[in-house]
Amino acid sequence: MTVPRTGGIGRIRPAAPERARWSGQAPVVAVVALGGGTGAAARYAASLWWPTPAGGFPWTTFAVNAVGCAVIGVFMVVVTEVRPAHRLVRPFFGTGVLGGFTTFSTYAVDSRSLFADGRVRTGLAYLAATPLAALTAVWLAAWGTRRFLKWRQS
């Protein structure tokens, strides 16, 4: 279903044809998919390199989410404040690679598993610590990147 767009006061013009909109978005969808596969493969490699033992704290998922958020902080400062990037860089790297690398769905599953195993305190700590670490990481990384760039310019 298409929604008419206004072409001025009291005028309605038809929405862009479906094919034209899709052809403009196809490259974005493609780079997000490629980046997502790359990020997910990196996350899987991290889980093989640092597996979570049965009944253990999910440190790998915690670290992946914190590191991914820190990289997002650096990346966004660089592409928005330092150097304009090609229109496909942000969807590829920001949404695709880093979206595939960070794993808040696994965070939810890990939390559920901790509660199901009767480890309520650990589950609550994990529930609180992960978003706190992620937000702190993105903020500190963005702040640090800005400070570094100011220092470098002086």
C-alpha atoms as a PDB file:
ATOM      1  CA  MET A   1       0.000   0.000   0.000  1.00  0.00           C
ATOM      2  CA  THR A   2       1.410   3.389  -0.899  1.00  0.00           C
ATOM      3  CA  VAL A   3       0.763   6.548   1.020  1.00  0.00           C
ATOM      4  CA  PRO A   4       0.302   9.704  -1.018  1.00  0.00           C
ATOM      5  CA  ARG A   5       2.786  12.483  -0.376  1.00  0.00           C
ATOM      6  CA  THR A   6       1.875  16.109  -0.456  1.00  0.00           C
ATOM      7  CA  GLY A   7       3.325  18.124  -3.295  1.00  0.00           C
ATOM      8  CA  GLY A   8       2.515  21.482  -1.743  1.00  0.00           C
ATOM      9  CA  ILE A   9      -0.436  23.084  -0.055  1.00  0.00           C
ATOM     10  CA  GLY A  10      -3.587  21.229  -0.987  1.00  0.00           C
ATOM     11  CA  ARG A  11      -1.834  19.108  -3.625  1.00  0.00           C
ATOM     12  CA  ILE A  12      -1.178  15.401  -3.504  1.00  0.00           C
ATOM     13  CA  ARG A  13       1.384  13.637  -5.609  1.00  0.00           C
ATOM     14  CA  PRO A  14       1.682   9.875  -5.844  1.00  0.00           C
ATOM     15  CA  ALA A  15       4.341   8.041  -3.877  1.00  0.00           C
ATOM     16  CA  ALA A  16       7.456   6.867  -5.692  1.00  0.00           C
ATOM     17  CA  PRO A  17       6.969   3.590  -7.527  1.00  0.00           C
ATOM     18  CA  GLU A  18       7.890   0.544  -5.451  1.00  0.00           C
ATOM     19  CA  ARG A  19      10.623  -0.530  -7.879  1.00  0.00           C
ATOM     20  CA  ALA A  20      12.400   2.822  -7.768  1.00  0.00           C
ATOM     21  CA  ARG A  21      12.488   2.817  -3.965  1.00  0.00           C
ATOM     22  CA  TRP A  22      13.788  -0.757  -3.846  1.00  0.00           C
ATOM     23  CA  SER A  23      16.535  -0.159  -6.387  1.00  0.00           C
ATOM     24  CA  GLY A  24      17.790   2.744  -4.263  1.00  0.00           C
ATOM     25  CA  GLN A  25      17.800   0.593  -1.121  1.00  0.00           C
ATOM     26  CA  ALA A  26      19.195  -2.622  -2.639  1.00  0.00           C
ATOM     27  CA  PRO A  27      22.857  -1.627  -2.164  1.00  0.00           C
ATOM     28  CA  VAL A  28      22.162  -0.694   1.470  1.00  0.00           C
ATOM     29  CA  VAL A  29      20.454  -4.024   2.141  1.00  0.00           C
ATOM     30  CA  ALA A  30      23.331  -5.859   0.453  1.00  0.00           C
ATOM     31  CA  VAL A  31      26.080  -4.159   2.481  1.00  0.00           C
ATOM     32  CA  VAL A  32      24.173  -4.606   5.744  1.00  0.00           C
ATOM     33  CA  ALA A  33      23.832  -8.321   4.976  1.00  0.00           C
ATOM     34  CA  LEU A  34      27.515  -8.671   4.080  1.00  0.00           C
ATOM     35  CA  GLY A  35      28.585  -6.731   7.143  1.00  0.00           C
ATOM     36  CA  GLY A  36      26.208  -8.667   9.384  1.00  0.00           C
ATOM     37  CA  GLY A  37      27.659 -11.966   8.228  1.00  0.00           C
ATOM     38  CA  THR A  38      31.171 -10.691   8.859  1.00  0.00           C
ATOM     39  CA  GLY A  39      30.316  -9.429  12.341  1.00  0.00           C
ATOM     40  CA  ALA A  40      28.483 -12.622  13.263  1.00  0.00           C
ATOM     41  CA  ALA A  41      31.457 -14.713  12.102  1.00  0.00           C
ATOM     42  CA  ALA A  42      33.775 -12.596  14.279  1.00  0.00           C
ATOM     43  CA  ARG A  43      31.458 -13.080  17.269  1.00  0.00           C
ATOM     44  CA  TYR A  44      31.365 -16.829  16.650  1.00  0.00           C
ATOM     45  CA  ALA A  45      35.166 -16.866  16.467  1.00  0.00           C
ATOM     46  CA  ALA A  46      35.268 -15.089  19.839  1.00  0.00           C
ATOM     47  CA  SER A  47      32.983 -17.743  21.333  1.00  0.00           C
ATOM     48  CA  LEU A  48      35.284 -20.490  20.031  1.00  0.00           C
ATOM     49  CA  TRP A  49      38.393 -18.700  21.301  1.00  0.00           C
ATOM     50  CA  TRP A  50      36.868 -17.953  24.727  1.00  0.00           C
ATOM     51  CA  PRO A  51      34.033 -20.453  25.370  1.00  0.00           C
ATOM     52  CA  THR A  52      31.710 -20.002  28.322  1.00  0.00           C
ATOM     53  CA  PRO A  53      31.939 -23.046  30.589  1.00  0.00           C
ATOM     54  CA  ALA A  54      28.702 -24.740  31.600  1.00  0.00           C
ATOM     55  CA  GLY A  55      27.288 -22.912  34.583  1.00  0.00           C
ATOM     56  CA  GLY A  56      29.819 -20.090  34.202  1.00  0.00           C
ATOM     57  CA  PHE A  57      29.348 -16.369  33.795  1.00  0.00           C
ATOM     58  CA  PRO A  58      28.929 -15.459  30.089  1.00  0.00           C
ATOM     59  CA  TRP A  59      32.099 -13.334  29.913  1.00  0.00           C
ATOM     60  CA  THR A  60      32.460 -13.712  26.156  1.00  0.00           C
ATOM     61  CA  THR A  61      29.048 -12.236  25.396  1.00  0.00           C
ATOM     62  CA  PHE A  62      29.633  -9.510  27.977  1.00  0.00           C
ATOM     63  CA  ALA A  63      33.021  -8.601  26.476  1.00  0.00           C
ATOM     64  CA  VAL A  64      31.828  -8.770  22.864  1.00  0.00           C
ATOM     65  CA  ASN A  65      28.970  -6.376  23.621  1.00  0.00           C
ATOM     66  CA  ALA A  66      31.221  -3.938  25.496  1.00  0.00           C
ATOM     67  CA  VAL A  67      33.971  -4.007  22.848  1.00  0.00           C
ATOM     68  CA  GLY A  68      31.462  -3.695  20.001  1.00  0.00           C
ATOM     69  CA  CYS A  69      29.867  -0.676  21.652  1.00  0.00           C
ATOM     70  CA  ALA A  70      33.273   0.937  22.173  1.00  0.00           C
ATOM     71  CA  VAL A  71      34.054   0.473  18.478  1.00  0.00           C
ATOM     72  CA  ILE A  72      30.678   2.018  17.626  1.00  0.00           C
ATOM     73  CA  GLY A  73      31.628   5.063  19.719  1.00  0.00           C
ATOM     74  CA  VAL A  74      34.925   5.536  17.872  1.00  0.00           C
ATOM     75  CA  PHE A  75      33.388   4.833  14.479  1.00  0.00           C
ATOM     76  CA  MET A  76      30.520   7.297  14.840  1.00  0.00           C
ATOM     77  CA  VAL A  77      32.828  10.123  15.912  1.00  0.00           C
ATOM     78  CA  VAL A  78      35.129   9.449  12.966  1.00  0.00           C
ATOM     79  CA  VAL A  79      32.407   9.263  10.301  1.00  0.00           C
ATOM     80  CA  THR A  80      30.266  12.104  11.618  1.00  0.00           C
ATOM     81  CA  GLU A  81      32.819  14.589  12.961  1.00  0.00           C
ATOM     82  CA  VAL A  82      36.144  13.887  11.274  1.00  0.00           C
ATOM     83  CA  ARG A  83      35.695  12.595   7.797  1.00  0.00           C
ATOM     84  CA  PRO A  84      32.553  12.109   5.757  1.00  0.00           C
ATOM     85  CA  ALA A  85      32.261   8.552   4.568  1.00  0.00           C
ATOM     86  CA  HIS A  86      30.703   6.975   1.495  1.00  0.00           C
ATOM     87  CA  ARG A  87      26.958   6.476   1.977  1.00  0.00           C
ATOM     88  CA  LEU A  88      27.388   2.708   2.336  1.00  0.00           C
ATOM     89  CA  VAL A  89      30.110   2.765   5.009  1.00  0.00           C
ATOM     90  CA  ARG A  90      27.774   3.393   7.952  1.00  0.00           C
ATOM     91  CA  PRO A  91      25.257   0.690   6.950  1.00  0.00           C
ATOM     92  CA  PHE A  92      28.052  -1.791   6.237  1.00  0.00           C
ATOM     93  CA  PHE A  93      30.178  -1.252   9.306  1.00  0.00           C
ATOM     94  CA  GLY A  94      27.845   0.332  11.862  1.00  0.00           C
ATOM     95  CA  THR A  95      24.678  -1.622  11.219  1.00  0.00           C
ATOM     96  CA  GLY A  96      26.124  -4.703   9.547  1.00  0.00           C
ATOM     97  CA  VAL A  97      29.503  -5.594  11.062  1.00  0.00           C
ATOM     98  CA  LEU A  98      28.962  -4.126  14.519  1.00  0.00           C
ATOM     99  CA  GLY A  99      25.291  -5.124  14.596  1.00  0.00           C
ATOM    100  CA  GLY A 100      26.282  -8.692  13.765  1.00  0.00           C
ATOM    101  CA  PHE A 101      29.185  -8.649  16.220  1.00  0.00           C
ATOM    102  CA  THR A 102      27.292  -7.342  19.245  1.00  0.00           C
ATOM    103  CA  THR A 103      24.719  -9.793  20.435  1.00  0.00           C
ATOM    104  CA  PHE A 104      22.002  -8.556  22.689  1.00  0.00           C
ATOM    105  CA  SER A 105      19.819 -11.518  21.772  1.00  0.00           C
ATOM    106  CA  THR A 106      22.447 -13.849  23.249  1.00  0.00           C
ATOM    107  CA  TYR A 107      22.556 -11.542  26.273  1.00  0.00           C
ATOM    108  CA  ALA A 108      18.837 -12.218  26.742  1.00  0.00           C
ATOM    109  CA  VAL A 109      19.290 -15.985  26.320  1.00  0.00           C
ATOM    110  CA  ASP A 110      22.248 -16.006  28.715  1.00  0.00           C
ATOM    111  CA  SER A 111      20.212 -14.067  31.280  1.00  0.00           C
ATOM    112  CA  ARG A 112      17.331 -16.513  30.946  1.00  0.00           C
ATOM    113  CA  SER A 113      19.714 -19.446  31.372  1.00  0.00           C
ATOM    114  CA  LEU A 114      21.189 -17.951  34.534  1.00  0.00           C
ATOM    115  CA  PHE A 115      17.694 -17.553  36.001  1.00  0.00           C
ATOM    116  CA  ALA A 116      16.636 -21.032  34.875  1.00  0.00           C
ATOM    117  CA  ASP A 117      19.709 -22.497  36.597  1.00  0.00           C
ATOM    118  CA  GLY A 118      18.648 -20.811  39.838  1.00  0.00           C
ATOM    119  CA  ARG A 119      21.493 -18.274  39.715  1.00  0.00           C
ATOM    120  CA  VAL A 120      19.222 -15.291  40.345  1.00  0.00           C
ATOM    121  CA  ARG A 121      21.878 -12.959  41.772  1.00  0.00           C
ATOM    122  CA  THR A 122      24.234 -13.619  38.896  1.00  0.00           C
ATOM    123  CA  GLY A 123      21.379 -13.207  36.407  1.00  0.00           C
ATOM    124  CA  LEU A 124      20.367  -9.860  37.914  1.00  0.00           C
ATOM    125  CA  ALA A 125      23.989  -8.693  37.981  1.00  0.00           C
ATOM    126  CA  TYR A 126      24.408  -9.705  34.334  1.00  0.00           C
ATOM    127  CA  LEU A 127      21.138  -8.017  33.366  1.00  0.00           C
ATOM    128  CA  ALA A 128      22.320  -4.758  34.928  1.00  0.00           C
ATOM    129  CA  ALA A 129      26.022  -4.927  34.070  1.00  0.00           C
ATOM    130  CA  THR A 130      25.735  -5.567  30.337  1.00  0.00           C
ATOM    131  CA  PRO A 131      23.758  -2.458  29.321  1.00  0.00           C
ATOM    132  CA  LEU A 132      25.749  -0.384  31.820  1.00  0.00           C
ATOM    133  CA  ALA A 133      29.040  -1.619  30.343  1.00  0.00           C
ATOM    134  CA  ALA A 134      27.767  -1.132  26.776  1.00  0.00           C
ATOM    135  CA  LEU A 135      26.598   2.446  27.361  1.00  0.00           C
ATOM    136  CA  THR A 136      29.730   3.309  29.314  1.00  0.00           C
ATOM    137  CA  ALA A 137      31.929   1.830  26.574  1.00  0.00           C
ATOM    138  CA  VAL A 138      30.275   3.795  23.768  1.00  0.00           C
ATOM    139  CA  TRP A 139      30.366   7.028  25.776  1.00  0.00           C
ATOM    140  CA  LEU A 140      33.999   6.628  26.871  1.00  0.00           C
ATOM    141  CA  ALA A 141      35.117   5.635  23.383  1.00  0.00           C
ATOM    142  CA  ALA A 142      33.403   8.635  21.786  1.00  0.00           C
ATOM    143  CA  TRP A 143      34.773  10.963  24.477  1.00  0.00           C
ATOM    144  CA  GLY A 144      38.272   9.502  24.194  1.00  0.00           C
ATOM    145  CA  THR A 145      38.232   9.716  20.414  1.00  0.00           C
ATOM    146  CA  ARG A 146      37.242  13.387  20.545  1.00  0.00           C
ATOM    147  CA  ARG A 147      39.981  14.121  23.097  1.00  0.00           C
ATOM    148  CA  PHE A 148      42.559  12.268  21.044  1.00  0.00           C
ATOM    149  CA  LEU A 149      41.592  14.166  17.912  1.00  0.00           C
ATOM    150  CA  LYS A 150      41.788  17.518  19.750  1.00  0.00           C
ATOM    151  CA  TRP A 151      45.201  16.584  21.153  1.00  0.00           C
ATOM    152  CA  ARG A 152      46.409  15.521  17.733  1.00  0.00           C
ATOM    153  CA  GLN A 153      45.335  18.830  16.189  1.00  0.00           C
ATOM    154  CA  SER A 154      47.221  20.912  18.750  1.00  0.00           C
END
